[in-house]
């Protein structure tokens, strides 16, 4: 006997009161978002619809008056898929901050971690010192608070699977993780990982660890050969010693697992690839038969040959049976500097040795005109690459100061102060910092904030092998705040430069990364998809200014930015953010390769 609406067709039709009682007692939906302007992630034109959520998935898109436990009026608001951030370092922060703030507030419902070759697992079970090495490395190379790493994470795992299990059921965002080459090397080789080459048995051990990690759900391999990546002892991180044969063996292992990827950093990522780097990236992708992404493509009209050179790696990969995808940011992410603590200035050739001196000696050296002249020469040379943009010290803005001598300088441009004092800008900046014992916070104004650079960015975004992302959220916590790129980009598209339409912008933040990583049933507002959703006001959506807060374990500082105009965020159908306030729910999932991702083949 067929049943409709829970009542037998042969039964007497219930009276109106009975029907109302039944619908309230047996709701069709958990929640309905009514009358929203739906931008579904595909790039199709927005349309007005009700969206019903049931059991963590989108159960209806269209006009509905069916019963629901809760409902809200979303007229005048935009409903989009939750944003996917393809490059984060939330590996540790999720243990003390399950909401991945501020990313979740800015509509990010899925984060990809384990990038750049750095992960917290695997750890060798008989070498507890490996955990200490890893913490110090993460503190140095990714700018994480060492105290927060020590106090905020349980460090209760050894295998990569145990690390994933430690996060399961306690996070508010969806999170997938690559396994880091540095961790694999350290676990297989011990202290020999830095500076050494693996024996045959050590390489086989590395491969076993990688296979075990992917069996447990790792998304694939991440690795780095960047000259800027050093460990807590100041030595090159372990993966920088890997030869191509080792990398290719690991890449082939990635290709044996469903739903996997490669993420790789080489020295040329910062400026221009060398020929051998282009070949290596293409070969790694082809060997795995999986996409490879790298971070980050810097777009600057003053360096017109950079984008074509960097995208030549994608062209080469296609010819060899691979696919190489460049990540690029759609906003300019401010990053502060300091002469007192480790920052990007230390990475300029010739600067590291001076900035590593004890503070009194460092001040004396920086006050020496001959030393300053040599530092400027090195910073402006071709060898400095992308760091050349840091060499115009007249364009720096003074941030926080700490001495009476610097009172009133916060917010002022160094060039103006130097003109008033009759000084060279670099000499002026050094004197300001010296008064603060080198603690002064410095904000360089971007040199690529011109119309030509923005036009070039808009053109670059349309390339099939360019993906928006590269926030580094969870890393460099007191230096930069890239997490709000999603809302800031949308605000710019709607009310600022308008370099992309709303539908195109949402697609680039949602469906594009979801398809690259092979996410199953995520990235779109469509029936049957997981209900990862963000509801925002198109007239207001934006990101607030970055401000320093002290909320890390142990009271350490980090930069934070409030979301503007975001009404609510749902993860797997559960409300996690309402008007900027976390609800306390932790419905996020650890996304595991194969189960939650499908293979995106390059062949």
Protein backbone atom coordinates (compact mmCIF):
# COMPACT_ATOMS: atom_id res chain seq x y z
CA UNK A 1 0.00 0.00 0.00
CA UNK A 2 1.52 3.32 -1.07
CA UNK A 3 1.79 5.99 1.59
CA UNK A 4 1.85 9.72 0.98
CA UNK A 5 2.78 12.28 3.63
CA UNK A 6 2.61 9.54 6.23
CA UNK A 7 -1.13 8.88 5.68
CA UNK A 8 -2.51 5.79 3.96
CA UNK A 9 -4.31 6.72 0.72
CA UNK A 10 -7.22 4.51 1.80
CA UNK A 11 -7.51 6.31 5.15
CA UNK A 12 -9.87 9.24 5.64
CA UNK A 13 -8.17 12.52 4.72
CA UNK A 14 -7.07 14.26 7.93
CA UNK A 15 -8.72 17.45 8.95
CA UNK A 16 -6.79 20.76 8.71
CA UNK A 17 -5.81 20.74 12.38
CA UNK A 18 -4.50 17.20 12.09
CA UNK A 19 -2.42 18.11 9.01
CA UNK A 20 -0.86 21.10 10.80
CA UNK A 21 -0.09 18.94 13.82
CA UNK A 22 1.54 16.27 11.64
CA UNK A 23 3.69 18.74 9.71
CA UNK A 24 4.93 20.35 12.91
CA UNK A 25 5.64 16.96 14.48
CA UNK A 26 7.33 15.55 11.37
CA UNK A 27 9.23 18.40 9.71
CA UNK A 28 10.51 17.81 6.21
CA UNK A 29 13.57 20.00 6.75
CA UNK A 30 15.89 20.78 9.63
CA UNK A 31 16.20 24.39 8.44
CA UNK A 32 14.98 26.45 5.50
CA UNK A 33 16.68 29.60 4.21
CA UNK A 34 13.90 31.46 2.45
CA UNK A 35 14.06 33.85 -0.48
CA UNK A 36 17.84 34.11 -0.75
CA UNK A 37 19.65 35.17 -3.89
CA UNK A 38 21.39 31.86 -4.56
CA UNK A 39 24.81 31.97 -6.21
CA UNK A 40 25.33 28.24 -6.62
CA UNK A 41 29.07 28.09 -7.29
CA UNK A 42 28.89 26.99 -10.92
CA UNK A 43 29.16 30.51 -12.32
CA UNK A 44 25.52 30.48 -13.42
CA UNK A 45 23.42 33.63 -12.87
CA UNK A 46 22.05 34.14 -9.36
CA UNK A 47 18.43 33.11 -8.76
CA UNK A 48 15.95 33.53 -5.93
CA UNK A 49 15.10 30.33 -4.09
CA UNK A 50 14.40 28.66 -0.78
CA UNK A 51 17.08 26.20 0.31
CA UNK A 52 16.10 23.35 2.62
CA UNK A 53 18.62 21.49 4.76
CA UNK A 54 18.07 17.97 6.06
CA UNK A 55 20.53 15.56 7.64
CA UNK A 56 23.53 17.72 6.86
CA UNK A 57 22.79 17.98 3.15
CA UNK A 58 20.91 20.29 0.83
CA UNK A 59 17.54 18.63 0.39
CA UNK A 60 15.77 21.22 -1.76
CA UNK A 61 16.57 24.27 -3.87
CA UNK A 62 13.49 26.11 -5.08
CA UNK A 63 10.15 27.29 -3.77
CA UNK A 64 9.06 25.32 -0.74
CA UNK A 65 6.45 25.69 1.95
CA UNK A 66 7.10 22.33 3.56
CA UNK A 67 7.50 22.05 7.31
CA UNK A 68 10.84 22.70 8.94
CA UNK A 69 12.18 22.81 12.47
CA UNK A 70 13.53 26.31 11.90
CA UNK A 71 13.48 28.83 9.08
CA UNK A 72 14.74 32.33 8.33
CA UNK A 73 13.97 35.12 5.91
CA UNK A 74 17.00 35.71 3.66
CA UNK A 75 15.49 38.20 1.23
CA UNK A 76 18.13 40.67 0.04
CA UNK A 77 20.97 38.34 1.07
CA UNK A 78 23.24 36.11 -1.00
CA UNK A 79 23.50 32.39 -0.23
CA UNK A 80 26.67 30.77 -1.56
CA UNK A 81 28.54 27.51 -1.02
CA UNK A 82 31.04 27.60 1.82
CA UNK A 83 34.43 28.78 0.64
CA UNK A 84 37.36 26.38 0.24
CA UNK A 85 40.81 27.65 1.29
CA UNK A 86 43.40 25.53 -0.57
CA UNK A 87 46.49 26.57 1.38
CA UNK A 88 46.43 26.86 5.17
CA UNK A 89 48.54 25.80 8.14
CA UNK A 90 45.78 25.12 10.67
CA UNK A 91 47.41 21.77 11.56
CA UNK A 92 48.08 22.82 15.16
CA UNK A 93 45.61 25.67 15.73
CA UNK A 94 42.56 23.43 15.28
CA UNK A 95 43.38 21.77 18.59
CA UNK A 96 42.91 24.98 20.60
CA UNK A 97 40.67 26.77 18.11
CA UNK A 98 38.26 24.30 16.45
CA UNK A 99 36.63 27.21 14.58
CA UNK A 100 39.77 27.97 12.55
CA UNK A 101 39.35 31.66 13.27
CA UNK A 102 39.17 33.95 11.55
CA UNK A 103 38.63 31.80 8.42
CA UNK A 104 35.26 30.35 9.44
CA UNK A 105 33.87 33.82 10.19
CA UNK A 106 34.76 34.80 6.63
CA UNK A 107 32.73 31.94 5.17
CA UNK A 108 35.48 29.33 4.82
CA UNK A 109 33.98 25.92 5.57
CA UNK A 110 36.78 23.70 4.22
CA UNK A 111 40.51 24.18 4.81
CA UNK A 112 43.45 22.32 3.31
CA UNK A 113 46.38 21.86 5.69
CA UNK A 114 49.68 20.03 5.74
CA UNK A 115 51.21 22.29 3.11
CA UNK A 116 54.81 23.23 2.28
CA UNK A 117 56.22 19.91 3.45
CA UNK A 118 55.39 20.56 7.11
CA UNK A 119 53.09 18.39 9.23
CA UNK A 120 52.90 17.38 12.88
CA UNK A 121 52.94 13.68 11.97
CA UNK A 122 54.24 11.07 11.58
CA UNK A 123 56.49 11.05 14.66
CA UNK A 124 58.83 8.18 15.47
CA UNK A 125 57.42 6.32 18.52
CA UNK A 126 60.82 5.77 20.14
CA UNK A 127 62.17 9.30 19.64
CA UNK A 128 60.20 11.81 21.75
CA UNK A 129 62.72 14.47 20.79
CA UNK A 130 61.24 14.47 17.27
CA UNK A 131 58.15 16.26 18.58
CA UNK A 132 60.33 19.00 20.06
CA UNK A 133 62.22 19.32 16.78
CA UNK A 134 58.93 19.60 14.89
CA UNK A 135 57.58 22.28 17.22
CA UNK A 136 60.73 24.38 16.91
CA UNK A 137 60.74 23.96 13.14
CA UNK A 138 57.09 25.03 12.85
CA UNK A 139 57.78 28.01 15.08
CA UNK A 140 60.66 29.18 12.89
CA UNK A 141 59.47 28.34 9.41
CA UNK A 142 55.74 29.09 9.78
CA UNK A 143 55.83 31.77 12.46
CA UNK A 144 53.78 29.83 15.01
CA UNK A 145 54.04 30.53 18.72
CA UNK A 146 56.29 27.90 20.30
CA UNK A 147 54.41 28.24 23.60
CA UNK A 148 51.08 27.71 21.83
CA UNK A 149 52.46 24.64 20.04
CA UNK A 150 53.69 23.20 23.33
CA UNK A 151 50.57 23.95 25.37
CA UNK A 152 47.76 23.94 22.84
CA UNK A 153 48.15 20.56 21.11
CA UNK A 154 48.10 17.14 22.84
CA UNK A 155 50.97 15.58 20.84
CA UNK A 156 49.38 12.22 21.58
CA UNK A 157 49.98 10.64 18.16
CA UNK A 158 52.74 8.90 16.28
CA UNK A 159 51.23 7.82 12.95
CA UNK A 160 49.53 10.23 10.57
CA UNK A 161 46.29 8.32 11.03
CA UNK A 162 46.48 8.87 14.79
CA UNK A 163 46.96 12.59 14.16
CA UNK A 164 43.81 12.69 11.99
CA UNK A 165 41.90 10.69 14.59
CA UNK A 166 42.90 13.22 17.27
CA UNK A 167 41.02 15.91 15.33
CA UNK A 168 37.97 13.82 14.47
CA UNK A 169 34.75 15.02 16.06
CA UNK A 170 36.18 18.17 17.61
CA UNK A 171 36.42 20.71 14.75
CA UNK A 172 33.89 23.16 13.35
CA UNK A 173 35.31 23.27 9.81
CA UNK A 174 35.98 20.53 7.32
CA UNK A 175 39.72 19.88 7.10
CA UNK A 176 41.87 17.80 4.77
CA UNK A 177 45.62 17.35 5.15
CA UNK A 178 48.60 16.57 2.97
CA UNK A 179 51.43 14.68 4.66
CA UNK A 180 54.66 16.64 4.88
CA UNK A 181 57.90 15.40 3.31
CA UNK A 182 59.92 16.84 6.21
CA UNK A 183 58.00 14.71 8.70
CA UNK A 184 58.39 11.59 6.55
CA UNK A 185 62.14 12.16 6.28
CA UNK A 186 62.58 12.85 9.99
CA UNK A 187 60.56 9.77 10.97
CA UNK A 188 62.47 7.50 8.57
CA UNK A 189 65.97 8.98 8.94
CA UNK A 190 66.12 10.68 12.32
CA UNK A 191 68.62 13.50 12.64
CA UNK A 192 70.21 12.38 9.34
CA UNK A 193 67.15 13.81 7.56
CA UNK A 194 68.81 17.23 7.69
CA UNK A 195 71.86 17.06 5.47
CA UNK A 196 71.74 13.37 4.57
CA UNK A 197 70.58 11.09 1.78
CA UNK A 198 68.38 8.07 2.55
CA UNK A 199 69.69 4.55 2.31
CA UNK A 200 67.61 2.07 0.36
CA UNK A 201 65.93 0.90 3.55
CA UNK A 202 65.28 4.47 4.74
CA UNK A 203 63.64 5.35 1.42
CA UNK A 204 61.48 2.24 1.67
CA UNK A 205 60.54 3.28 5.21
CA UNK A 206 59.61 6.75 3.92
CA UNK A 207 57.40 5.18 1.24
CA UNK A 208 55.72 2.91 3.81
CA UNK A 209 54.97 5.93 6.00
CA UNK A 210 53.52 7.80 3.02
CA UNK A 211 51.35 4.85 1.99
CA UNK A 212 50.15 4.40 5.58
CA UNK A 213 49.28 8.11 5.78
CA UNK A 214 47.26 8.00 2.56
CA UNK A 215 45.55 4.77 3.64
CA UNK A 216 44.46 6.74 6.73
CA UNK A 217 43.18 9.65 4.62
CA UNK A 218 46.09 11.98 3.86
CA UNK A 219 45.39 13.90 0.66
CA UNK A 220 48.86 13.25 -0.75
CA UNK A 221 52.36 14.67 -0.44
CA UNK A 222 53.62 18.17 0.24
CA UNK A 223 57.26 19.12 -0.12
CA UNK A 224 59.54 22.15 -0.20
CA UNK A 225 62.88 23.07 -1.74
CA UNK A 226 62.56 26.77 -0.94
CA UNK A 227 65.70 28.52 0.22
CA UNK A 228 63.61 30.48 2.75
CA UNK A 229 62.60 27.38 4.71
CA UNK A 230 64.89 26.66 7.66
CA UNK A 231 64.34 24.65 10.83
CA UNK A 232 64.55 25.73 14.45
CA UNK A 233 68.33 25.40 14.35
CA UNK A 234 68.59 27.65 11.31
CA UNK A 235 69.49 24.76 8.98
CA UNK A 236 67.65 23.95 5.73
CA UNK A 237 64.57 21.82 6.43
CA UNK A 238 64.87 18.12 5.66
CA UNK A 239 63.07 18.01 2.31
CA UNK A 240 65.48 20.56 0.82
CA UNK A 241 68.09 17.81 0.74
CA UNK A 242 65.94 15.42 -1.30
CA UNK A 243 67.18 14.59 -4.77
CA UNK A 244 64.82 14.19 -7.74
CA UNK A 245 64.89 10.36 -7.55
CA UNK A 246 63.52 10.48 -3.98
CA UNK A 247 60.83 12.99 -4.93
CA UNK A 248 59.76 10.96 -7.95
CA UNK A 249 59.53 7.76 -5.88
CA UNK A 250 57.22 9.56 -3.45
CA UNK A 251 55.17 11.02 -6.32
CA UNK A 252 54.63 7.57 -7.83
CA UNK A 253 53.35 6.39 -4.43
CA UNK A 254 50.82 9.23 -4.40
CA UNK A 255 49.45 7.95 -7.72
CA UNK A 256 48.61 4.59 -6.14
CA UNK A 257 45.90 6.10 -3.93
CA UNK A 258 42.47 7.45 -4.73
CA UNK A 259 41.71 11.15 -4.38
CA UNK A 260 45.27 12.37 -3.82
CA UNK A 261 47.36 15.39 -4.83
CA UNK A 262 50.84 16.90 -4.63
CA UNK A 263 51.75 20.32 -3.27
CA UNK A 264 55.29 21.52 -3.89
CA UNK A 265 57.36 24.61 -3.18
CA UNK A 266 60.62 25.33 -5.00
CA UNK A 267 62.93 28.34 -4.76
CA UNK A 268 61.53 29.88 -7.94
CA UNK A 269 58.01 30.09 -6.53
CA UNK A 270 58.95 33.45 -5.05
CA UNK A 271 60.01 35.03 -8.32
CA UNK A 272 60.78 33.01 -11.47
CA UNK A 273 61.28 29.28 -11.96
CA UNK A 274 64.60 27.93 -13.16
CA UNK A 275 64.45 25.50 -16.08
CA UNK A 276 65.18 22.49 -13.87
CA UNK A 277 62.39 23.53 -11.47
CA UNK A 278 59.87 23.62 -14.31
CA UNK A 279 60.95 20.13 -15.35
CA UNK A 280 60.79 18.83 -11.78
CA UNK A 281 57.26 20.13 -11.13
CA UNK A 282 56.03 18.69 -14.42
CA UNK A 283 57.71 15.34 -13.80
CA UNK A 284 56.32 15.02 -10.28
CA UNK A 285 52.76 15.60 -11.47
CA UNK A 286 53.15 13.25 -14.42
CA UNK A 287 54.74 10.52 -12.28
CA UNK A 288 51.78 10.65 -9.89
CA UNK A 289 49.14 11.26 -12.53
CA UNK A 290 47.76 13.82 -10.10
CA UNK A 291 47.49 17.63 -10.05
CA UNK A 292 50.30 19.52 -8.36
CA UNK A 293 49.74 22.98 -6.90
CA UNK A 294 52.31 25.52 -5.80
CA UNK A 295 52.22 28.76 -3.79
CA UNK A 296 52.23 31.64 -4.53
CA UNK A 297 52.07 33.38 -7.93
CA UNK A 298 52.94 37.05 -7.35
CA UNK A 299 51.47 39.38 -9.98
CA UNK A 300 53.17 42.74 -10.55
CA UNK A 301 52.93 44.80 -13.73
CA UNK A 302 56.41 46.14 -13.00
CA UNK A 303 57.73 42.60 -13.61
CA UNK A 304 55.78 41.67 -16.77
CA UNK A 305 57.73 38.51 -17.56
CA UNK A 306 57.05 36.82 -14.21
CA UNK A 307 53.52 35.49 -14.87
CA UNK A 308 54.34 33.98 -18.31
CA UNK A 309 57.47 32.38 -16.88
CA UNK A 310 55.66 30.87 -13.93
CA UNK A 311 52.77 29.57 -16.02
CA UNK A 312 55.21 27.91 -18.40
CA UNK A 313 55.43 25.18 -15.76
CA UNK A 314 51.75 24.45 -16.41
CA UNK A 315 52.32 24.35 -20.15
CA UNK A 316 55.24 21.97 -19.72
CA UNK A 317 53.24 19.72 -17.40
CA UNK A 318 50.44 19.29 -19.91
CA UNK A 319 52.95 18.10 -22.49
CA UNK A 320 54.29 15.45 -20.09
CA UNK A 321 50.91 14.19 -18.89
CA UNK A 322 50.72 16.22 -15.70
CA UNK A 323 48.96 19.33 -14.43
CA UNK A 324 50.61 22.13 -12.47
CA UNK A 325 48.33 24.73 -10.85
CA UNK A 326 49.47 28.07 -9.46
CA UNK A 327 47.80 29.58 -6.39
CA UNK A 328 47.47 33.35 -6.32
CA UNK A 329 45.84 35.76 -3.91
CA UNK A 330 43.05 38.05 -5.15
CA UNK A 331 43.90 40.70 -2.55
CA UNK A 332 47.04 42.35 -1.26
CA UNK A 333 47.75 40.83 2.13
CA UNK A 334 49.61 43.25 4.40
CA UNK A 335 52.58 41.75 6.21
CA UNK A 336 54.39 43.62 8.94
CA UNK A 337 58.15 43.68 9.45
CA UNK A 338 60.53 44.24 12.31
CA UNK A 339 64.25 44.70 12.74
CA UNK A 340 63.96 42.96 16.10
CA UNK A 341 62.40 39.58 15.30
CA UNK A 342 62.57 37.10 12.45
CA UNK A 343 60.60 38.23 9.39
CA UNK A 344 60.87 38.51 5.60
CA UNK A 345 63.70 41.04 5.95
CA UNK A 346 65.89 38.23 7.31
CA UNK A 347 65.41 36.40 4.00
CA UNK A 348 66.97 39.14 1.87
CA UNK A 349 70.43 37.96 0.79
CA UNK A 350 73.08 39.36 3.11
CA UNK A 351 70.61 40.54 5.75
CA UNK A 352 70.29 37.41 7.86
CA UNK A 353 73.73 37.61 9.45
CA UNK A 354 73.23 41.22 10.57
CA UNK A 355 69.68 40.72 11.86
CA UNK A 356 70.75 37.64 13.83
CA UNK A 357 73.18 39.62 16.00
CA UNK A 358 72.35 40.50 19.62
CA UNK A 359 70.21 43.66 19.71
CA UNK A 360 72.88 46.13 20.93
CA UNK A 361 75.38 44.91 18.32
CA UNK A 362 72.63 44.84 15.68
CA UNK A 363 71.78 48.49 16.39
CA UNK A 364 75.43 49.49 16.11
CA UNK A 365 75.78 47.71 12.79
CA UNK A 366 72.57 49.18 11.38
CA UNK A 367 73.68 52.68 12.36
CA UNK A 368 76.87 52.24 10.33
CA UNK A 369 76.35 54.02 6.94
CA UNK A 370 78.61 51.52 5.15
CA UNK A 371 76.59 48.59 6.49
CA UNK A 372 73.29 50.22 5.48
CA UNK A 373 74.65 50.94 2.00
CA UNK A 374 75.63 47.28 1.53
CA UNK A 375 72.28 46.04 2.86
CA UNK A 376 70.43 48.31 0.44
CA UNK A 377 72.61 47.16 -2.45
CA UNK A 378 71.84 43.51 -1.71
CA UNK A 379 68.12 44.22 -1.21
CA UNK A 380 67.88 45.96 -4.59
CA UNK A 381 69.90 43.39 -6.50
CA UNK A 382 68.54 40.74 -8.85
CA UNK A 383 69.43 38.01 -6.34
CA UNK A 384 66.87 39.39 -3.88
CA UNK A 385 64.08 38.33 -6.25
CA UNK A 386 60.62 39.13 -4.97
CA UNK A 387 62.11 40.59 -1.77
CA UNK A 388 63.24 43.62 -3.78
CA UNK A 389 59.82 45.06 -3.07
CA UNK A 390 60.84 45.44 0.59
CA UNK A 391 63.79 47.73 -0.22
CA UNK A 392 61.85 51.02 -0.56
CA UNK A 393 61.96 52.00 3.12
CA UNK A 394 60.41 55.39 2.47
CA UNK A 395 57.12 53.58 1.77
CA UNK A 396 56.99 51.93 5.18
CA UNK A 397 54.30 52.96 7.65
CA UNK A 398 55.17 53.03 11.34
CA UNK A 399 52.98 50.69 13.39
CA UNK A 400 53.20 50.09 17.14
CA UNK A 401 55.97 51.97 18.94
CA UNK A 402 57.30 51.57 22.48
CA UNK A 403 59.29 54.65 23.47
CA UNK A 404 58.60 58.28 24.32
CA UNK A 405 60.95 59.31 21.49
CA UNK A 406 58.56 57.73 18.99
CA UNK A 407 55.34 59.10 20.42
CA UNK A 408 52.98 60.24 17.67
CA UNK A 409 54.73 58.34 14.87
CA UNK A 410 52.25 55.47 14.62
CA UNK A 411 50.46 55.59 11.28
CA UNK A 412 52.98 57.94 9.67
CA UNK A 413 54.94 57.20 6.48
CA UNK A 414 58.73 56.99 6.89
CA UNK A 415 59.35 59.12 3.80
CA UNK A 416 57.51 62.05 5.39
CA UNK A 417 59.30 61.67 8.71
CA UNK A 418 62.68 61.45 6.95
CA UNK A 419 61.97 64.63 4.94
CA UNK A 420 61.14 66.52 8.13
CA UNK A 421 64.37 65.34 9.75
CA UNK A 422 66.58 65.72 6.67
CA UNK A 423 67.52 62.04 6.73
CA UNK A 424 67.77 59.19 4.27
CA UNK A 425 64.59 57.03 4.70
CA UNK A 426 66.50 53.89 5.70
CA UNK A 427 68.63 55.80 8.23
CA UNK A 428 65.46 57.40 9.59
CA UNK A 429 63.75 54.04 9.94
CA UNK A 430 66.77 52.58 11.75
CA UNK A 431 66.79 55.45 14.27
CA UNK A 432 63.07 55.04 14.97
CA UNK A 433 63.51 51.32 15.56
CA UNK A 434 66.63 51.85 17.69
CA UNK A 435 64.66 54.05 20.09
CA UNK A 436 62.29 51.09 20.61
CA UNK A 437 65.05 48.54 21.08
CA UNK A 438 64.14 47.30 17.55
CA UNK A 439 60.60 46.36 18.65
CA UNK A 440 58.93 48.86 16.29
CA UNK A 441 56.27 47.31 14.03
CA UNK A 442 56.73 48.29 10.38
CA UNK A 443 54.14 48.03 7.60
CA UNK A 444 55.56 48.27 4.05
CA UNK A 445 53.08 49.75 1.58
CA UNK A 446 52.67 47.40 -1.40
CA UNK A 447 54.41 48.47 -4.58
CA UNK A 448 51.99 46.55 -6.82
CA UNK A 449 48.76 48.34 -5.90
CA UNK A 450 48.49 50.10 -9.28
CA UNK A 451 45.78 49.79 -11.98
CA UNK A 452 48.10 47.91 -14.36
CA UNK A 453 48.85 45.24 -11.74
CA UNK A 454 45.17 44.81 -10.93
CA UNK A 455 44.32 44.47 -14.63
CA UNK A 456 47.03 41.81 -14.95
CA UNK A 457 45.60 39.97 -11.93
CA UNK A 458 42.13 39.89 -13.46
CA UNK A 459 43.60 38.46 -16.66
CA UNK A 460 45.64 35.88 -14.73
CA UNK A 461 42.63 34.65 -12.76
CA UNK A 462 41.03 33.49 -16.00
CA UNK A 463 43.86 31.05 -16.76
CA UNK A 464 42.79 27.41 -16.47
CA UNK A 465 45.79 26.57 -14.29
CA UNK A 466 45.44 29.43 -11.81
CA UNK A 467 43.47 29.01 -8.59
CA UNK A 468 42.64 31.63 -5.97
CA UNK A 469 44.20 30.92 -2.59
CA UNK A 470 47.42 31.01 -0.64
CA UNK A 471 46.20 32.61 2.58
CA UNK A 472 48.72 30.78 4.82
CA UNK A 473 46.00 31.02 7.50
CA UNK A 474 47.27 29.55 10.75
CA UNK A 475 50.87 30.60 10.04
CA UNK A 476 52.90 33.79 10.50
CA UNK A 477 50.31 34.69 13.09
CA UNK A 478 51.68 38.02 14.28
CA UNK A 479 52.99 39.07 10.85
CA UNK A 480 50.10 38.67 8.43
CA UNK A 481 46.40 37.88 8.24
CA UNK A 482 45.50 36.29 4.91
CA UNK A 483 42.44 34.40 6.14
CA UNK A 484 39.92 37.19 5.28
CA UNK A 485 40.75 37.13 1.55
CA UNK A 486 37.34 35.66 0.75
CA UNK A 487 35.14 38.46 2.09
CA UNK A 488 37.58 41.19 1.11
CA UNK A 489 37.64 39.87 -2.46
CA UNK A 490 33.84 39.69 -2.62
CA UNK A 491 33.53 43.23 -1.31
CA UNK A 492 36.01 44.41 -3.94
CA UNK A 493 34.10 42.60 -6.68
CA UNK A 494 30.74 44.02 -5.60
CA UNK A 495 31.64 47.57 -4.61
CA UNK A 496 35.32 48.19 -5.40
CA UNK A 497 37.34 47.49 -8.52
CA UNK A 498 34.69 45.02 -9.81
CA UNK A 499 37.30 42.94 -11.63
CA UNK A 500 35.02 39.89 -11.48
CA UNK A 501 31.27 39.45 -11.30
CA UNK A 502 29.70 38.00 -8.17
CA UNK A 503 28.94 34.64 -9.75
CA UNK A 504 32.47 34.32 -11.14
CA UNK A 505 34.02 35.37 -7.82
CA UNK A 506 31.99 32.80 -5.87
CA UNK A 507 32.88 30.05 -8.35
CA UNK A 508 36.59 30.82 -7.93
CA UNK A 509 36.24 30.53 -4.13
CA UNK A 510 34.11 27.38 -4.09
CA UNK A 511 33.62 25.09 -7.06
CA UNK A 512 37.05 25.67 -8.60
CA UNK A 513 39.06 24.48 -5.56
CA UNK A 514 36.50 21.76 -4.82
CA UNK A 515 36.94 20.35 -8.33
CA UNK A 516 40.74 20.59 -8.23
CA UNK A 517 40.88 18.56 -5.02
CA UNK A 518 38.10 16.20 -6.10
CA UNK A 519 35.88 17.01 -3.12
CA UNK A 520 32.80 14.81 -3.14
CA UNK A 521 29.52 16.74 -3.11
CA UNK A 522 30.99 20.04 -1.93
CA UNK A 523 31.48 23.43 -3.54
CA UNK A 524 27.97 24.00 -4.89
CA UNK A 525 24.46 24.83 -3.72
CA UNK A 526 22.74 21.82 -5.24
CA UNK A 527 20.40 19.11 -4.03
CA UNK A 528 22.32 16.24 -2.49
CA UNK A 529 25.43 18.27 -1.75
CA UNK A 530 26.72 18.74 1.78
CA UNK A 531 25.15 21.84 3.32
CA UNK A 532 28.30 23.95 3.62
CA UNK A 533 26.81 27.41 3.17
CA UNK A 534 27.51 31.09 3.78
CA UNK A 535 24.80 33.77 3.89
CA UNK A 536 25.98 37.34 3.42
CA UNK A 537 24.79 40.87 2.69
CA UNK A 538 26.12 41.95 -0.72
CA UNK A 539 25.89 45.60 0.29
CA UNK A 540 28.22 45.12 3.25
CA UNK A 541 30.35 41.99 2.85
CA UNK A 542 33.98 42.80 3.59
CA UNK A 543 36.78 42.22 6.08
CA UNK A 544 37.68 44.54 8.92
CA UNK A 545 41.22 45.81 9.49
CA UNK A 546 43.75 43.43 10.98
CA UNK A 547 44.30 44.00 14.68
CA UNK A 548 46.58 42.33 17.19
CA UNK A 549 44.92 40.10 19.79
CA UNK A 550 46.54 38.00 22.51
CA UNK A 551 44.42 34.84 22.58
CA UNK A 552 46.89 32.04 21.82
CA UNK A 553 47.67 29.44 24.48
CA UNK A 554 50.08 31.22 26.80
CA UNK A 555 48.75 34.63 25.78
CA UNK A 556 50.74 34.97 22.58
CA UNK A 557 49.77 37.53 19.91
CA UNK A 558 48.22 37.05 16.49
CA UNK A 559 46.55 39.24 13.89
CA UNK A 560 42.78 38.92 13.60
CA UNK A 561 40.20 40.44 11.26
CA UNK A 562 36.45 40.56 11.82
CA UNK A 563 34.07 39.58 9.03
CA UNK A 564 31.62 42.25 7.91
CA UNK A 565 28.20 41.49 6.47
CA UNK A 566 28.26 37.72 7.02
CA UNK A 567 24.89 36.71 8.47
CA UNK A 568 25.56 33.01 9.07
CA UNK A 569 27.74 30.05 8.15
CA UNK A 570 26.69 26.39 8.10
CA UNK A 571 29.03 23.40 8.04
CA UNK A 572 27.44 20.07 7.15
CA UNK A 573 24.03 21.62 7.75
CA UNK A 574 24.81 22.90 11.26
CA UNK A 575 25.00 26.61 12.05
CA UNK A 576 28.51 27.45 13.24
CA UNK A 577 28.57 31.26 12.95
CA UNK A 578 25.72 33.73 13.45
CA UNK A 579 26.48 37.45 13.09
CA UNK A 580 30.17 36.88 13.79
CA UNK A 581 29.64 34.78 16.92
CA UNK A 582 30.50 31.08 17.07
CA UNK A 583 27.58 28.88 18.10
CA UNK A 584 29.66 26.26 19.90
CA UNK A 585 28.79 23.49 17.46
CA UNK A 586 31.62 21.38 16.01
CA UNK A 587 30.07 19.69 12.95
CA UNK A 588 33.24 19.76 10.83
CA UNK A 589 34.75 16.60 9.44
CA UNK A 590 38.26 15.39 8.83
CA UNK A 591 38.07 14.89 5.07
CA UNK A 592 39.95 11.75 4.08
CA UNK A 593 41.25 10.90 0.64
CA UNK A 594 39.23 8.34 -1.24
CA UNK A 595 36.23 8.56 1.07
CA UNK A 596 35.76 12.32 0.79
CA UNK A 597 37.82 13.01 -2.34
CA UNK A 598 37.81 11.39 -5.74
CA UNK A 599 40.77 11.10 -8.08
CA UNK A 600 41.37 14.04 -10.37
CA UNK A 601 43.56 12.40 -12.96
CA UNK A 602 45.92 14.25 -15.29
CA UNK A 603 45.80 11.45 -17.86
